[in-house]
C-alpha atoms as a PDB file:
ATOM      1  CA  UNK A   1     133.957 148.038 -50.327  1.00  0.00           C
ATOM      2  CA  UNK A   2     134.808 146.988 -46.808  1.00  0.00           C
ATOM      3  CA  UNK A   3     137.751 148.406 -44.878  1.00  0.00           C
ATOM      4  CA  UNK A   4     138.196 145.379 -42.632  1.00  0.00           C
ATOM      5  CA  UNK A   5     141.431 144.513 -44.415  1.00  0.00           C
ATOM      6  CA  UNK A   6     143.220 147.474 -42.828  1.00  0.00           C
ATOM      7  CA  UNK A   7     142.138 147.598 -39.203  1.00  0.00           C
ATOM      8  CA  UNK A   8     145.227 149.423 -37.888  1.00  0.00           C
ATOM      9  CA  UNK A   9     145.472 152.083 -40.549  1.00  0.00           C
ATOM     10  CA  UNK A  10     143.515 154.864 -38.831  1.00  0.00           C
ATOM     11  CA  UNK A  11     144.940 154.395 -35.322  1.00  0.00           C
ATOM     12  CA  UNK A  12     148.490 154.251 -36.690  1.00  0.00           C
ATOM     13  CA  UNK A  13     148.032 157.411 -38.678  1.00  0.00           C
ATOM     14  CA  UNK A  14     147.299 159.488 -35.589  1.00  0.00           C
ATOM     15  CA  UNK A  15     146.050 163.037 -35.351  1.00  0.00           C
ATOM     16  CA  UNK A  16     147.334 166.299 -36.806  1.00  0.00           C
ATOM     17  CA  UNK A  17     147.810 168.203 -33.557  1.00  0.00           C
ATOM     18  CA  UNK A  18     151.038 168.812 -31.698  1.00  0.00           C
ATOM     19  CA  UNK A  19     152.614 165.523 -30.702  1.00  0.00           C
ATOM     20  CA  UNK A  20     149.732 163.484 -32.116  1.00  0.00           C
ATOM     21  CA  UNK A  21     151.617 162.364 -35.203  1.00  0.00           C
ATOM     22  CA  UNK A  22     154.397 160.833 -33.148  1.00  0.00           C
ATOM     23  CA  UNK A  23     153.835 157.080 -32.850  1.00  0.00           C
ATOM     24  CA  UNK A  24     156.092 156.888 -29.800  1.00  0.00           C
ATOM     25  CA  UNK A  25     153.995 159.368 -27.809  1.00  0.00           C
ATOM     26  CA  UNK A  26     151.720 158.135 -25.045  1.00  0.00           C
ATOM     27  CA  UNK A  27     148.102 157.602 -25.935  1.00  0.00           C
ATOM     28  CA  UNK A  28     145.432 159.809 -24.425  1.00  0.00           C
ATOM     29  CA  UNK A  29     142.843 157.052 -24.541  1.00  0.00           C
ATOM     30  CA  UNK A  30     142.140 155.064 -21.405  1.00  0.00           C
ATOM     31  CA  UNK A  31     139.597 152.558 -20.294  1.00  0.00           C
ATOM     32  CA  UNK A  32     136.722 153.217 -17.948  1.00  0.00           C
ATOM     33  CA  UNK A  33     138.054 150.478 -15.708  1.00  0.00           C
ATOM     34  CA  UNK A  34     141.207 152.493 -15.156  1.00  0.00           C
ATOM     35  CA  UNK A  35     139.254 155.366 -13.584  1.00  0.00           C
ATOM     36  CA  UNK A  36     139.684 155.841  -9.826  1.00  0.00           C
ATOM     37  CA  UNK A  37     137.004 154.125  -7.788  1.00  0.00           C
ATOM     38  CA  UNK A  38     136.161 153.493  -4.117  1.00  0.00           C
ATOM     39  CA  UNK A  39     137.744 156.752  -3.068  1.00  0.00           C
ATOM     40  CA  UNK A  40     135.772 156.973   0.174  1.00  0.00           C
ATOM     41  CA  UNK A  41     135.977 154.754   3.248  1.00  0.00           C
ATOM     42  CA  UNK A  42     132.696 153.174   4.250  1.00  0.00           C
ATOM     43  CA  UNK A  43     131.691 153.285   7.903  1.00  0.00           C
ATOM     44  CA  UNK A  44     129.123 151.216   9.762  1.00  0.00           C
ATOM     45  CA  UNK A  45     125.697 152.781   9.948  1.00  0.00           C
ATOM     46  CA  UNK A  46     123.774 153.016  13.234  1.00  0.00           C
ATOM     47  CA  UNK A  47     121.853 149.779  12.541  1.00  0.00           C
ATOM     48  CA  UNK A  48     124.857 147.688  11.442  1.00  0.00           C
ATOM     49  CA  UNK A  49     126.197 146.632  14.865  1.00  0.00           C
ATOM     50  CA  UNK A  50     129.030 149.067  15.228  1.00  0.00           C
ATOM     51  CA  UNK A  51     131.526 148.321  18.046  1.00  0.00           C
ATOM     52  CA  UNK A  52     130.172 151.207  20.144  1.00  0.00           C
ATOM     53  CA  UNK A  53     126.605 149.943  19.805  1.00  0.00           C
ATOM     54  CA  UNK A  54     127.556 146.350  20.621  1.00  0.00           C
ATOM     55  CA  UNK A  55     129.494 147.497  23.659  1.00  0.00           C
ATOM     56  CA  UNK A  56     126.481 149.379  25.023  1.00  0.00           C
ATOM     57  CA  UNK A  57     123.858 146.636  24.433  1.00  0.00           C
ATOM     58  CA  UNK A  58     122.604 144.163  27.042  1.00  0.00           C
ATOM     59  CA  UNK A  59     122.202 140.901  25.155  1.00  0.00           C
ATOM     60  CA  UNK A  60     120.887 138.962  28.154  1.00  0.00           C
ATOM     61  CA  UNK A  61     118.005 141.360  28.673  1.00  0.00           C
ATOM     62  CA  UNK A  62     117.145 141.289  24.959  1.00  0.00           C
ATOM     63  CA  UNK A  63     117.143 137.490  24.914  1.00  0.00           C
ATOM     64  CA  UNK A  64     114.871 137.258  27.950  1.00  0.00           C
ATOM     65  CA  UNK A  65     112.510 139.794  26.411  1.00  0.00           C
ATOM     66  CA  UNK A  66     112.296 137.807  23.183  1.00  0.00           C
ATOM     67  CA  UNK A  67     111.605 134.604  25.130  1.00  0.00           C
ATOM     68  CA  UNK A  68     108.784 136.283  27.078  1.00  0.00           C
ATOM     69  CA  UNK A  69     107.215 137.584  23.878  1.00  0.00           C
ATOM     70  CA  UNK A  70     107.409 134.148  22.243  1.00  0.00           C
ATOM     71  CA  UNK A  71     105.847 132.451  25.304  1.00  0.00           C
ATOM     72  CA  UNK A  72     103.059 135.070  25.392  1.00  0.00           C
ATOM     73  CA  UNK A  73     102.259 134.508  21.713  1.00  0.00           C
ATOM     74  CA  UNK A  74     102.268 130.726  22.163  1.00  0.00           C
ATOM     75  CA  UNK A  75      99.862 131.015  25.116  1.00  0.00           C
ATOM     76  CA  UNK A  76      97.603 133.311  23.126  1.00  0.00           C
ATOM     77  CA  UNK A  77      97.485 130.793  20.257  1.00  0.00           C
ATOM     78  CA  UNK A  78      96.875 127.845  22.590  1.00  0.00           C
ATOM     79  CA  UNK A  79      93.864 129.453  24.311  1.00  0.00           C
ATOM     80  CA  UNK A  80      91.410 129.545  21.356  1.00  0.00           C
ATOM     81  CA  UNK A  81      92.540 126.089  20.267  1.00  0.00           C
ATOM     82  CA  UNK A  82      91.805 124.555  23.683  1.00  0.00           C
ATOM     83  CA  UNK A  83      88.456 126.333  23.757  1.00  0.00           C
ATOM     84  CA  UNK A  84      87.424 124.845  20.420  1.00  0.00           C
ATOM     85  CA  UNK A  85      88.668 121.408  21.500  1.00  0.00           C
ATOM     86  CA  UNK A  86      86.681 121.479  24.742  1.00  0.00           C
ATOM     87  CA  UNK A  87      83.528 122.628  22.947  1.00  0.00           C
ATOM     88  CA  UNK A  88      83.836 119.858  20.369  1.00  0.00           C
ATOM     89  CA  UNK A  89      84.452 117.241  23.083  1.00  0.00           C
ATOM     90  CA  UNK A  90      81.407 118.417  25.045  1.00  0.00           C
ATOM     91  CA  UNK A  91      79.229 118.266  21.946  1.00  0.00           C
ATOM     92  CA  UNK A  92      80.493 114.776  21.117  1.00  0.00           C
ATOM     93  CA  UNK A  93      79.904 113.580  24.690  1.00  0.00           C
ATOM     94  CA  UNK A  94      76.385 114.979  24.607  1.00  0.00           C
ATOM     95  CA  UNK A  95      75.743 113.211  21.310  1.00  0.00           C
ATOM     96  CA  UNK A  96      77.090 109.943  22.747  1.00  0.00           C
ATOM     97  CA  UNK A  97      74.758 109.941  25.721  1.00  0.00           C
ATOM     98  CA  UNK A  98      72.414 106.963  25.983  1.00  0.00           C
ATOM     99  CA  UNK A  99      69.221 107.431  24.117  1.00  0.00           C
ATOM    100  CA  UNK A 100      67.205 106.229  27.067  1.00  0.00           C
ATOM    101  CA  UNK A 101      65.252 109.479  27.242  1.00  0.00           C
ATOM    102  CA  UNK A 102      64.187 109.145  23.631  1.00  0.00           C
ATOM    103  CA  UNK A 103      62.657 105.668  24.155  1.00  0.00           C
ATOM    104  CA  UNK A 104      58.942 105.811  24.945  1.00  0.00           C
ATOM    105  CA  UNK A 105      57.877 104.460  28.319  1.00  0.00           C
ATOM    106  CA  UNK A 106      55.411 102.040  26.710  1.00  0.00           C
ATOM    107  CA  UNK A 107      58.217 100.202  24.925  1.00  0.00           C
ATOM    108  CA  UNK A 108      60.254  99.657  28.085  1.00  0.00           C
ATOM    109  CA  UNK A 109      60.236  96.146  29.461  1.00  0.00           C
ATOM    110  CA  UNK A 110      62.377  94.593  32.122  1.00  0.00           C
ATOM    111  CA  UNK A 111      62.925  91.436  30.073  1.00  0.00           C
ATOM    112  CA  UNK A 112      63.740  93.137  26.779  1.00  0.00           C
ATOM    113  CA  UNK A 113      67.145  94.698  26.214  1.00  0.00           C
ATOM    114  CA  UNK A 114      67.311  98.411  25.737  1.00  0.00           C
ATOM    115  CA  UNK A 115      69.227  98.269  22.426  1.00  0.00           C
ATOM    116  CA  UNK A 116      70.734  95.675  20.087  1.00  0.00           C
ATOM    117  CA  UNK A 117      74.092  97.415  19.895  1.00  0.00           C
ATOM    118  CA  UNK A 118      75.739  94.934  22.277  1.00  0.00           C
ATOM    119  CA  UNK A 119      74.593  91.967  20.237  1.00  0.00           C
ATOM    120  CA  UNK A 120      75.760  93.606  17.016  1.00  0.00           C
ATOM    121  CA  UNK A 121      79.145  94.346  18.539  1.00  0.00           C
ATOM    122  CA  UNK A 122      79.480  90.758  19.772  1.00  0.00           C
ATOM    123  CA  UNK A 123      78.581  89.368  16.357  1.00  0.00           C
ATOM    124  CA  UNK A 124      81.047  91.718  14.661  1.00  0.00           C
ATOM    125  CA  UNK A 125      83.801  90.667  17.058  1.00  0.00           C
ATOM    126  CA  UNK A 126      83.030  87.000  16.425  1.00  0.00           C
ATOM    127  CA  UNK A 127      83.127  87.532  12.661  1.00  0.00           C
ATOM    128  CA  UNK A 128      86.414  89.436  12.974  1.00  0.00           C
ATOM    129  CA  UNK A 129      87.887  86.591  15.021  1.00  0.00           C
ATOM    130  CA  UNK A 130      86.734  84.066  12.424  1.00  0.00           C
ATOM    131  CA  UNK A 131      88.269  86.102   9.597  1.00  0.00           C
ATOM    132  CA  UNK A 132      91.538  86.440  11.506  1.00  0.00           C
ATOM    133  CA  UNK A 133      91.657  82.702  12.176  1.00  0.00           C
ATOM    134  CA  UNK A 134      90.979  81.958   8.491  1.00  0.00           C
ATOM    135  CA  UNK A 135      93.710  84.355   7.399  1.00  0.00           C
ATOM    136  CA  UNK A 136      96.189  82.832   9.840  1.00  0.00           C
ATOM    137  CA  UNK A 137      95.337  79.327   8.619  1.00  0.00           C
ATOM    138  CA  UNK A 138      95.814  80.416   4.995  1.00  0.00           C
ATOM    139  CA  UNK A 139      99.131  82.042   5.892  1.00  0.00           C
ATOM    140  CA  UNK A 140     100.345  78.876   7.600  1.00  0.00           C
ATOM    141  CA  UNK A 141      99.305  76.858   4.558  1.00  0.00           C
ATOM    142  CA  UNK A 142     101.243  79.141   2.218  1.00  0.00           C
ATOM    143  CA  UNK A 143     104.321  78.980   4.451  1.00  0.00           C
ATOM    144  CA  UNK A 144     104.124  75.186   4.544  1.00  0.00           C
ATOM    145  CA  UNK A 145     103.822  74.951   0.749  1.00  0.00           C
ATOM    146  CA  UNK A 146     106.816  77.245   0.275  1.00  0.00           C
ATOM    147  CA  UNK A 147     108.880  75.222   2.733  1.00  0.00           C
ATOM    148  CA  UNK A 148     107.997  71.990   0.922  1.00  0.00           C
ATOM    149  CA  UNK A 149     108.877  73.539  -2.440  1.00  0.00           C
ATOM    150  CA  UNK A 150     112.219  74.759  -1.094  1.00  0.00           C
ATOM    151  CA  UNK A 151     112.982  71.329   0.365  1.00  0.00           C
ATOM    152  CA  UNK A 152     112.117  69.632  -2.941  1.00  0.00           C
ATOM    153  CA  UNK A 153     114.408  71.987  -4.868  1.00  0.00           C
ATOM    154  CA  UNK A 154     117.244  71.308  -2.433  1.00  0.00           C
ATOM    155  CA  UNK A 155     116.794  67.537  -2.822  1.00  0.00           C
ATOM    156  CA  UNK A 156     116.821  67.822  -6.625  1.00  0.00           C
ATOM    157  CA  UNK A 157     119.939  69.987  -6.518  1.00  0.00           C
ATOM    158  CA  UNK A 158     121.742  67.535  -4.229  1.00  0.00           C
ATOM    159  CA  UNK A 159     120.767  64.603  -6.469  1.00  0.00           C
ATOM    160  CA  UNK A 160     122.051  66.432  -9.561  1.00  0.00           C
ATOM    161  CA  UNK A 161     125.332  67.292  -7.834  1.00  0.00           C
ATOM    162  CA  UNK A 162     125.767  63.665  -6.744  1.00  0.00           C
ATOM    163  CA  UNK A 163     125.091  62.437 -10.292  1.00  0.00           C
ATOM    164  CA  UNK A 164     127.656  64.843 -11.756  1.00  0.00           C
ATOM    165  CA  UNK A 165     130.205  63.794  -9.130  1.00  0.00           C
ATOM    166  CA  UNK A 166     129.741  60.095  -9.890  1.00  0.00           C
ATOM    167  CA  UNK A 167     130.032  60.727 -13.630  1.00  0.00           C
ATOM    168  CA  UNK A 168     133.289  62.588 -13.067  1.00  0.00           C
ATOM    169  CA  UNK A 169     134.623  59.747 -10.915  1.00  0.00           C
ATOM    170  CA  UNK A 170     133.690  57.052 -13.417  1.00  0.00           C
ATOM    171  CA  UNK A 171     135.005  58.945 -16.424  1.00  0.00           C
ATOM    172  CA  UNK A 172     138.221  59.954 -14.679  1.00  0.00           C
ATOM    173  CA  UNK A 173     139.301  56.454 -13.562  1.00  0.00           C
ATOM    174  CA  UNK A 174     140.338  54.287 -16.558  1.00  0.00           C
ATOM    175  CA  UNK A 175     140.182  51.092 -14.475  1.00  0.00           C
ATOM    176  CA  UNK A 176     136.485  51.631 -13.754  1.00  0.00           C
ATOM    177  CA  UNK A 177     135.460  53.153 -17.065  1.00  0.00           C
ATOM    178  CA  UNK A 178     136.636  50.331 -19.347  1.00  0.00           C
ATOM    179  CA  UNK A 179     133.514  50.372 -21.498  1.00  0.00           C
ATOM    180  CA  UNK A 180     133.800  54.106 -21.991  1.00  0.00           C
ATOM    181  CA  UNK A 181     137.471  53.820 -22.914  1.00  0.00           C
ATOM    182  CA  UNK A 182     136.755  51.102 -25.489  1.00  0.00           C
ATOM    183  CA  UNK A 183     133.939  53.119 -27.009  1.00  0.00           C
ATOM    184  CA  UNK A 184     136.169  56.173 -27.197  1.00  0.00           C
ATOM    185  CA  UNK A 185     138.954  54.171 -28.863  1.00  0.00           C
ATOM    186  CA  UNK A 186     136.483  52.759 -31.403  1.00  0.00           C
ATOM    187  CA  UNK A 187     135.238  56.213 -32.265  1.00  0.00           C
ATOM    188  CA  UNK A 188     138.782  57.541 -32.591  1.00  0.00           C
ATOM    189  CA  UNK A 189     139.717  54.668 -34.918  1.00  0.00           C
ATOM    190  CA  UNK A 190     136.664  55.260 -37.069  1.00  0.00           C
ATOM    191  CA  UNK A 191     137.438  58.948 -37.352  1.00  0.00           C
ATOM    192  CA  UNK A 192     141.236  58.558 -37.667  1.00  0.00           C
ATOM    193  CA  UNK A 193     142.854  61.018 -40.043  1.00  0.00           C
ATOM    194  CA  UNK A 194     146.451  62.078 -40.491  1.00  0.00           C
ATOM    195  CA  UNK A 195     146.798  65.631 -39.278  1.00  0.00           C
ATOM    196  CA  UNK A 196     148.965  67.906 -41.353  1.00  0.00           C
ATOM    197  CA  UNK A 197     151.284  70.418 -39.889  1.00  0.00           C
ATOM    198  CA  UNK A 198     150.438  74.071 -40.228  1.00  0.00           C
ATOM    199  CA  UNK A 199     153.617  74.695 -42.256  1.00  0.00           C
ATOM    200  CA  UNK A 200     153.356  71.800 -44.696  1.00  0.00           C
ATOM    201  CA  UNK A 201     152.269  73.946 -47.651  1.00  0.00           C
ATOM    202  CA  UNK A 202     154.521  76.944 -47.131  1.00  0.00           C
ATOM    203  CA  UNK A 203     156.619  78.185 -50.037  1.00  0.00           C
ATOM    204  CA  UNK A 204     160.076  78.288 -48.483  1.00  0.00           C
ATOM    205  CA  UNK A 205     160.279  75.062 -46.521  1.00  0.00           C
ATOM    206  CA  UNK A 206     163.465  73.063 -45.989  1.00  0.00           C
ATOM    207  CA  UNK A 207     165.494  75.547 -48.027  1.00  0.00           C
ATOM    208  CA  UNK A 208     168.572  75.398 -45.834  1.00  0.00           C
ATOM    209  CA  UNK A 209     171.700  73.941 -47.396  1.00  0.00           C
ATOM    210  CA  UNK A 210     172.271  70.287 -46.614  1.00  0.00           C
ATOM    211  CA  UNK A 211     168.769  69.552 -45.249  1.00  0.00           C
ATOM    212  CA  UNK A 212     167.914  67.072 -48.005  1.00  0.00           C
ATOM    213  CA  UNK A 213     171.342  65.444 -47.850  1.00  0.00           C
ATOM    214  CA  UNK A 214     171.066  64.960 -44.113  1.00  0.00           C
ATOM    215  CA  UNK A 215     167.677  63.278 -44.506  1.00  0.00           C
ATOM    216  CA  UNK A 216     168.880  60.879 -47.216  1.00  0.00           C
ATOM    217  CA  UNK A 217     170.166  57.531 -46.099  1.00  0.00           C
ATOM    218  CA  UNK A 218     173.838  56.963 -46.731  1.00  0.00           C
ATOM    219  CA  UNK A 219     174.234  53.852 -48.812  1.00  0.00           C
ATOM    220  CA  UNK A 220     177.308  52.174 -50.240  1.00  0.00           C
ATOM    221  CA  UNK A 221     177.318  51.551 -54.016  1.00  0.00           C
ATOM    222  CA  UNK A 222     180.024  49.533 -55.747  1.00  0.00           C
ATOM    223  CA  UNK A 223     179.597  51.565 -58.959  1.00  0.00           C
ATOM    224  CA  UNK A 224     181.655  54.749 -59.213  1.00  0.00           C
ATOM    225  CA  UNK A 225     179.171  56.408 -61.565  1.00  0.00           C
ATOM    226  CA  UNK A 226     176.287  55.984 -59.114  1.00  0.00           C
ATOM    227  CA  UNK A 227     178.168  56.768 -55.930  1.00  0.00           C
ATOM    228  CA  UNK A 228     177.309  59.784 -53.799  1.00  0.00           C
ATOM    229  CA  UNK A 229     180.676  61.386 -54.336  1.00  0.00           C
ATOM    230  CA  UNK A 230     180.351  61.178 -58.136  1.00  0.00           C
ATOM    231  CA  UNK A 231     176.856  62.689 -58.026  1.00  0.00           C
ATOM    232  CA  UNK A 232     177.985  65.605 -55.868  1.00  0.00           C
ATOM    233  CA  UNK A 233     180.984  66.192 -58.127  1.00  0.00           C
ATOM    234  CA  UNK A 234     178.823  66.238 -61.271  1.00  0.00           C
ATOM    235  CA  UNK A 235     176.269  68.559 -59.705  1.00  0.00           C
ATOM    236  CA  UNK A 236     178.954  70.930 -58.528  1.00  0.00           C
ATOM    237  CA  UNK A 237     181.220  71.174 -61.575  1.00  0.00           C
ATOM    238  CA  UNK A 238     179.269  69.946 -64.582  1.00  0.00           C
ATOM    239  CA  UNK A 239     175.841  71.383 -64.089  1.00  0.00           C
END
């Protein structure tokens, strides 16, 4: 059987030693967080920029030394890179030399061109110019079509707005819109119906005293039995 139903039984009972049975005595238990800590003062170590070290250092000299080291390393890195760049450029220039030496002497003729590269380049430039001109013409055509489409839409929108404005003017002026007024009156006569009030079918309507009497027409009767006074008297005292 569990003992969770009495959680304070054992602590309240206390010990059997001297003063341990007294519930008012101070407890000897304490938390580890209550123990004394940080009992020593921490000082700066030699590498933590103590005031004495900072006072004795020459920051300007250190900065200049660091700049010289950085410039030396940058120069050392730039040297091999420039060497490789110059070697590659020399190899490319040697490969781009004219191949005149490779052409046999028997094939050389004063009237014949050395190579057909110039003609190929000229033909390529001409074809590029033709393509560019065709693209520009197509672009101008597309722009023109878009401008025409935009202008057509604007004209249609203006025409629609003008039509709506004229309809509003004609329908708003009864002197101009006689045919429309007659047609509307004919339709209203054909669909004429007596509209009932929203409170016509309520239960307690016209229940106030004297409402019916006020609505009735006062008429003079020469007969005493059918007079209004006689009717009121009979309703009040006989019924």
